Amino acid sequence: MTISQKTASSPESQPRISRRTLLKGSAAVALGAAALSSVRGMAGEQSASSTSSTPPVKGKVIDCHAHLNHHSRPTWEADDRKLIEAADKLGIDQLCCSTLTSHWPATLDGFRECNQWTAEGMRRFSGRVLGYCYVNPGYGREALEEIRRYVGDHGFMGVKLYNEYNCTEPVVFPIVELTIELGIPILHHASHSHYFVEDQPRLTDSGNLAELARRYPEAMLICAHFSGGGDWEWTIKAARHAPNLMLDTSGSVTDDGSVDLAVAVVGADRVVFGCDSSMTAGVGKIRGAELSIQDKAKILGGNMIRLLRRRKS
């Protein structure tokens, strides 16, 4: 794993560097400490070794979009550990994780098994991993029961929806209504692709999520990886008029200025830091953005803390 050499000094005093330069690496051993200091410095000094299971406190860096590995993968346990080790090197205090099925649409047994594994991951990495309950809305009552059980009994912090249904389909509405009742966010897989994605015929985009947000203004919705392929500029602009829709910074596209545009269009209060397992690229986008320290602090943790504090007991 490689980590940028950019120092922890203020953005105003740093030379402008390209995204390609930002992500070029040397050994993580040599650069890990500098990266950790830089990222945490943007959000407020906070220990990365906290093991508290209580809601995060001011100053923590929170990855809103992470995944634990499906246990059919032979190296799942080692790979989960590598995720936490990468978070340690990069100064990420907590990761909001789901475990996804290996095939879609998810079956009832499939997502139940994944949520059990996420709960086990929360115990293995106590205080570091926060859980999303992943469900297929097509299972109706069973999906709702799954959410209630894992939020109530296992302390999960939100719901993860994937590509089984477009978010505007009525089958999704009971899920949204339950999250409003519980006071928890939904992280929804999304992309505005340039072509029809054959294996995701019901793919949601930020325009769909904005429509859902207007239907349910009390919902807390997060558009996953606004730069996750497709037209990220369209994705940002389509979210403009939905104040309860957040944009997650993760995604495979590392175009210069993407985070800056998101903040310019929707405001820093509606952008949340995510990596979706692309750890150094996820951190690099924030470090390379031409934003104030205050705005970076909101993105890196403050906004997610605000969402998590809305949970109802």
Protein backbone atom coordinates (compact mmCIF):
# COMPACT_ATOMS: atom_id res chain seq x y z
CA MET A 1 0.00 0.00 0.00
CA THR A 2 1.29 3.44 -0.89
CA ILE A 3 0.57 6.69 0.88
CA SER A 4 1.04 10.25 -0.38
CA GLN A 5 4.05 12.23 0.76
CA LYS A 6 2.09 15.46 1.20
CA THR A 7 2.84 16.97 4.60
CA ALA A 8 0.48 17.94 7.41
CA SER A 9 0.94 21.68 6.98
CA SER A 10 -1.96 23.89 5.94
CA PRO A 11 -3.25 23.63 2.32
CA GLU A 12 -2.46 27.29 1.73
CA SER A 13 1.27 26.69 2.28
CA GLN A 14 1.51 23.55 0.14
CA PRO A 15 2.41 23.44 -3.58
CA ARG A 16 -0.30 22.28 -5.95
CA ILE A 17 0.32 18.72 -7.05
CA SER A 18 -1.46 16.52 -9.55
CA ARG A 19 -3.63 13.55 -8.61
CA ARG A 20 -1.11 11.26 -10.29
CA THR A 21 1.70 12.65 -8.12
CA LEU A 22 -0.52 12.46 -5.04
CA LEU A 23 -1.10 8.74 -5.42
CA LYS A 24 2.46 7.76 -6.36
CA GLY A 25 3.97 5.87 -3.51
CA SER A 26 6.88 4.65 -1.57
CA ALA A 27 6.84 2.18 1.26
CA ALA A 28 3.94 2.45 3.70
CA VAL A 29 6.40 2.05 6.56
CA ALA A 30 8.19 5.24 5.59
CA LEU A 31 5.09 7.32 4.89
CA GLY A 32 2.39 5.91 7.13
CA ALA A 33 3.04 8.18 10.09
CA ALA A 34 2.96 11.33 7.96
CA ALA A 35 -0.32 10.33 6.31
CA LEU A 36 -1.95 9.51 9.62
CA SER A 37 -0.92 12.84 11.10
CA SER A 38 -2.11 14.74 8.04
CA VAL A 39 -5.55 13.17 7.82
CA ARG A 40 -6.25 13.33 11.53
CA GLY A 41 -4.99 16.89 11.63
CA MET A 42 -7.77 17.87 9.23
CA ALA A 43 -10.48 16.42 11.46
CA GLY A 44 -9.06 17.20 14.91
CA GLU A 45 -6.56 15.21 16.93
CA GLN A 46 -7.99 11.88 18.05
CA SER A 47 -6.48 8.53 19.00
CA ALA A 48 -6.79 5.80 16.36
CA SER A 49 -6.62 3.09 19.01
CA SER A 50 -9.99 3.79 20.63
CA THR A 51 -11.96 0.64 21.40
CA SER A 52 -15.12 2.29 22.68
CA SER A 53 -18.39 0.90 21.32
CA THR A 54 -20.17 4.20 22.02
CA PRO A 55 -21.07 6.65 19.23
CA PRO A 56 -18.06 8.47 17.80
CA VAL A 57 -16.94 11.75 19.36
CA LYS A 58 -15.89 15.00 17.77
CA GLY A 59 -12.64 14.79 15.87
CA LYS A 60 -12.83 11.20 14.65
CA VAL A 61 -12.16 10.32 11.03
CA ILE A 62 -14.98 8.05 9.82
CA ASP A 63 -15.06 6.11 6.56
CA CYS A 64 -18.79 6.03 5.74
CA HIS A 65 -18.43 3.31 3.10
CA ALA A 66 -16.43 0.16 3.76
CA HIS A 67 -16.92 -3.58 3.39
CA LEU A 68 -15.92 -6.70 5.24
CA ASN A 69 -15.20 -9.74 3.11
CA HIS A 70 -17.61 -12.54 2.24
CA HIS A 71 -16.53 -15.70 4.04
CA SER A 72 -16.51 -17.76 0.86
CA ARG A 73 -13.25 -15.97 0.08
CA PRO A 74 -10.39 -18.11 1.46
CA THR A 75 -8.46 -15.08 2.67
CA TRP A 76 -11.44 -13.23 4.20
CA GLU A 77 -10.03 -13.09 7.72
CA ALA A 78 -6.61 -11.81 6.66
CA ASP A 79 -8.23 -9.34 4.24
CA ASP A 80 -10.47 -7.94 6.98
CA ARG A 81 -7.38 -7.45 9.12
CA LYS A 82 -5.62 -5.67 6.25
CA LEU A 83 -8.54 -3.24 6.04
CA ILE A 84 -8.06 -2.27 9.68
CA GLU A 85 -4.29 -2.05 9.25
CA ALA A 86 -4.75 0.28 6.28
CA ALA A 87 -7.12 2.42 8.36
CA ASP A 88 -4.46 2.57 11.08
CA LYS A 89 -1.82 3.78 8.61
CA LEU A 90 -4.13 6.38 7.09
CA GLY A 91 -5.54 7.78 10.30
CA ILE A 92 -9.09 6.46 9.90
CA ASP A 93 -10.65 5.84 13.31
CA GLN A 94 -13.86 4.04 12.37
CA LEU A 95 -15.27 2.32 9.31
CA CYS A 96 -18.99 1.91 8.55
CA CYS A 97 -19.08 -1.59 7.07
CA SER A 98 -21.46 -3.95 5.37
CA THR A 99 -20.84 -7.43 4.05
CA LEU A 100 -22.34 -8.06 0.61
CA THR A 101 -23.43 -11.35 -0.89
CA SER A 102 -21.27 -12.86 -3.62
CA HIS A 103 -24.16 -12.96 -6.12
CA TRP A 104 -27.15 -10.69 -6.80
CA PRO A 105 -29.99 -10.35 -6.26
CA ALA A 106 -29.31 -11.31 -2.65
CA THR A 107 -31.35 -14.17 -1.25
CA LEU A 108 -32.91 -14.08 2.20
CA ASP A 109 -30.39 -16.59 3.54
CA GLY A 110 -27.62 -14.73 1.75
CA PHE A 111 -28.11 -11.33 3.37
CA ARG A 112 -28.90 -12.87 6.75
CA GLU A 113 -25.54 -14.64 6.65
CA CYS A 114 -23.77 -11.44 5.63
CA ASN A 115 -25.27 -9.46 8.50
CA GLN A 116 -24.22 -12.14 10.94
CA TRP A 117 -20.65 -11.81 9.63
CA THR A 118 -20.79 -8.04 9.97
CA ALA A 119 -21.90 -8.40 13.60
CA GLU A 120 -18.98 -10.77 14.18
CA GLY A 121 -16.66 -8.21 12.58
CA MET A 122 -17.91 -5.53 14.96
CA ARG A 123 -16.95 -7.80 17.85
CA ARG A 124 -13.54 -8.67 16.36
CA PHE A 125 -12.71 -5.01 15.75
CA SER A 126 -14.53 -3.49 18.67
CA GLY A 127 -14.97 0.26 18.34
CA ARG A 128 -13.40 0.33 14.86
CA VAL A 129 -16.18 -1.23 12.78
CA LEU A 130 -19.74 0.15 12.71
CA GLY A 131 -22.33 -2.01 10.97
CA TYR A 132 -24.72 -1.42 8.09
CA CYS A 133 -27.55 -3.94 7.80
CA TYR A 134 -27.65 -5.14 4.20
CA VAL A 135 -31.04 -6.32 2.89
CA ASN A 136 -32.86 -7.01 -0.36
CA PRO A 137 -36.08 -4.93 -0.14
CA GLY A 138 -37.92 -7.54 -2.19
CA TYR A 139 -38.19 -9.73 0.90
CA GLY A 140 -40.57 -7.22 2.49
CA ARG A 141 -41.43 -8.22 6.05
CA GLU A 142 -38.30 -10.35 6.47
CA ALA A 143 -36.07 -7.45 5.38
CA LEU A 144 -37.75 -5.11 7.86
CA GLU A 145 -37.40 -7.66 10.66
CA GLU A 146 -33.72 -8.07 9.80
CA ILE A 147 -33.12 -4.33 10.12
CA ARG A 148 -34.97 -4.08 13.43
CA ARG A 149 -33.04 -7.04 14.84
CA TYR A 150 -29.58 -5.85 13.86
CA VAL A 151 -30.13 -2.22 14.78
CA GLY A 152 -31.83 -3.08 18.07
CA ASP A 153 -29.88 -6.13 19.20
CA HIS A 154 -26.47 -5.65 17.58
CA GLY A 155 -26.13 -1.88 17.48
CA PHE A 156 -25.94 -1.48 13.70
CA MET A 157 -25.84 2.18 12.64
CA GLY A 158 -27.55 2.12 9.25
CA VAL A 159 -28.88 0.24 6.24
CA LYS A 160 -27.02 -0.69 3.06
CA LEU A 161 -29.02 -1.09 -0.16
CA TYR A 162 -27.45 -2.40 -3.33
CA ASN A 163 -28.75 -2.81 -6.88
CA GLU A 164 -31.64 -5.24 -6.42
CA TYR A 165 -34.15 -2.41 -6.90
CA ASN A 166 -34.06 1.18 -8.05
CA CYS A 167 -34.60 3.35 -5.00
CA THR A 168 -37.78 4.90 -6.49
CA GLU A 169 -39.60 1.56 -6.67
CA PRO A 170 -42.40 1.25 -4.05
CA VAL A 171 -40.84 -1.92 -2.61
CA VAL A 172 -38.08 0.30 -1.15
CA PHE A 173 -40.44 2.71 0.62
CA PRO A 174 -41.07 0.58 3.74
CA ILE A 175 -37.31 0.34 4.25
CA VAL A 176 -36.99 4.13 4.12
CA GLU A 177 -39.92 4.58 6.50
CA LEU A 178 -38.33 2.21 9.01
CA THR A 179 -35.01 4.05 8.89
CA ILE A 180 -36.86 7.29 9.63
CA GLU A 181 -38.51 5.61 12.61
CA LEU A 182 -35.14 4.36 13.87
CA GLY A 183 -33.22 7.54 13.03
CA ILE A 184 -30.56 5.82 10.92
CA PRO A 185 -29.10 6.53 7.46
CA ILE A 186 -29.28 4.51 4.24
CA LEU A 187 -26.14 4.11 2.13
CA HIS A 188 -27.40 3.33 -1.39
CA HIS A 189 -25.26 1.94 -4.21
CA ALA A 190 -25.47 4.37 -7.15
CA SER A 191 -23.94 5.50 -10.42
CA HIS A 192 -24.98 7.56 -13.45
CA SER A 193 -23.44 5.37 -16.12
CA HIS A 194 -22.75 6.40 -19.71
CA TYR A 195 -24.24 3.09 -20.87
CA PHE A 196 -26.85 0.56 -19.77
CA VAL A 197 -25.29 -1.72 -17.16
CA GLU A 198 -26.64 -5.13 -18.10
CA ASP A 199 -25.93 -6.82 -14.78
CA GLN A 200 -27.49 -3.90 -12.87
CA PRO A 201 -30.74 -3.17 -14.74
CA ARG A 202 -32.23 -1.40 -11.71
CA LEU A 203 -29.20 0.75 -10.99
CA THR A 204 -29.98 3.86 -8.93
CA ASP A 205 -28.44 7.26 -9.64
CA SER A 206 -28.36 10.46 -7.62
CA GLY A 207 -31.36 11.83 -9.49
CA ASN A 208 -33.39 8.84 -8.30
CA LEU A 209 -32.10 9.37 -4.77
CA ALA A 210 -33.01 13.06 -4.94
CA GLU A 211 -36.53 12.03 -5.91
CA LEU A 212 -36.67 9.64 -2.96
CA ALA A 213 -35.28 12.35 -0.67
CA ARG A 214 -38.04 14.74 -1.70
CA ARG A 215 -40.65 12.05 -1.05
CA TYR A 216 -39.17 11.42 2.41
CA PRO A 217 -37.61 14.69 3.67
CA GLU A 218 -36.95 13.15 7.10
CA ALA A 219 -34.84 10.33 5.64
CA MET A 220 -31.05 10.39 5.81
CA LEU A 221 -29.80 9.19 2.43
CA ILE A 222 -26.22 8.74 1.28
CA CYS A 223 -25.44 8.43 -2.42
CA ALA A 224 -22.59 5.93 -2.55
CA HIS A 225 -19.39 6.72 -4.48
CA PHE A 226 -20.48 9.78 -6.45
CA SER A 227 -17.28 9.29 -8.48
CA GLY A 228 -17.78 5.55 -8.85
CA GLY A 229 -17.75 5.49 -12.63
CA GLY A 230 -20.13 7.28 -14.95
CA ASP A 231 -20.77 11.01 -15.01
CA TRP A 232 -19.73 12.29 -11.60
CA GLU A 233 -20.46 15.92 -12.49
CA TRP A 234 -24.06 15.00 -13.35
CA THR A 235 -24.28 12.98 -10.15
CA ILE A 236 -23.27 15.98 -8.05
CA LYS A 237 -25.58 18.44 -9.81
CA ALA A 238 -28.60 16.11 -9.68
CA ALA A 239 -28.32 16.04 -5.88
CA ARG A 240 -28.31 19.84 -5.54
CA HIS A 241 -31.93 20.40 -4.47
CA ALA A 242 -32.32 17.46 -2.06
CA PRO A 243 -30.99 18.73 1.29
CA ASN A 244 -31.31 15.34 3.03
CA LEU A 245 -29.17 13.58 0.40
CA MET A 246 -25.44 13.25 1.17
CA LEU A 247 -22.66 12.49 -1.32
CA ASP A 248 -20.06 9.85 -0.44
CA THR A 249 -16.60 10.71 -1.82
CA SER A 250 -15.51 7.14 -2.58
CA GLY A 251 -15.27 5.80 -6.11
CA SER A 252 -12.82 4.57 -8.72
CA VAL A 253 -12.59 7.93 -10.53
CA THR A 254 -9.92 10.21 -9.05
CA ASP A 255 -10.41 13.20 -11.35
CA ASP A 256 -8.89 16.36 -9.94
CA GLY A 257 -11.52 18.71 -8.53
CA SER A 258 -14.33 16.20 -7.97
CA VAL A 259 -14.57 16.78 -4.22
CA ASP A 260 -14.18 20.52 -4.72
CA LEU A 261 -17.14 20.55 -7.12
CA ALA A 262 -19.28 18.51 -4.73
CA VAL A 263 -18.67 21.07 -1.99
CA ALA A 264 -19.28 23.99 -4.35
CA VAL A 265 -22.62 22.55 -5.54
CA VAL A 266 -24.20 20.93 -2.46
CA GLY A 267 -22.10 22.41 0.37
CA ALA A 268 -19.56 20.88 2.74
CA ASP A 269 -22.32 19.84 5.15
CA ARG A 270 -23.60 17.29 2.62
CA VAL A 271 -20.37 15.53 1.67
CA VAL A 272 -19.09 12.52 3.63
CA PHE A 273 -15.73 10.76 3.42
CA GLY A 274 -15.70 7.23 2.06
CA CYS A 275 -13.13 4.85 0.57
CA ASP A 276 -15.12 1.75 -0.49
CA SER A 277 -11.87 -0.20 0.04
CA SER A 278 -9.79 2.11 -2.22
CA MET A 279 -8.02 3.43 0.82
CA THR A 280 -5.17 5.64 -0.39
CA ALA A 281 -7.24 7.03 -3.27
CA GLY A 282 -10.09 7.79 -0.87
CA VAL A 283 -7.79 9.71 1.48
CA GLY A 284 -5.93 11.33 -1.42
CA LYS A 285 -9.09 12.93 -2.78
CA ILE A 286 -9.63 14.79 0.48
CA ARG A 287 -6.01 15.75 0.99
CA GLY A 288 -5.77 17.03 -2.59
CA ALA A 289 -8.98 19.06 -2.48
CA GLU A 290 -8.68 22.85 -2.39
CA LEU A 291 -10.90 23.21 0.68
CA SER A 292 -10.59 24.85 4.06
CA ILE A 293 -9.51 22.83 7.08
CA GLN A 294 -13.01 23.38 8.49
CA ASP A 295 -14.71 21.90 5.43
CA LYS A 296 -12.33 18.93 5.38
CA ALA A 297 -13.09 18.30 9.06
CA LYS A 298 -16.81 18.17 8.28
CA ILE A 299 -16.27 15.73 5.42
CA LEU A 300 -13.82 13.48 7.25
CA GLY A 301 -16.03 12.89 10.26
CA GLY A 302 -18.18 15.77 11.44
CA ASN A 303 -21.03 15.17 9.01
CA MET A 304 -21.17 11.46 9.72
CA ILE A 305 -21.15 12.11 13.46
CA ARG A 306 -24.15 14.40 12.96
CA LEU A 307 -26.05 11.61 11.16
CA LEU A 308 -25.16 8.98 13.75
CA ARG A 309 -26.34 11.18 16.60
CA ARG A 310 -29.84 11.27 15.15
CA ARG A 311 -30.39 7.60 15.98
CA LYS A 312 -33.45 7.10 18.19
CA SER A 313 -33.15 4.88 21.24
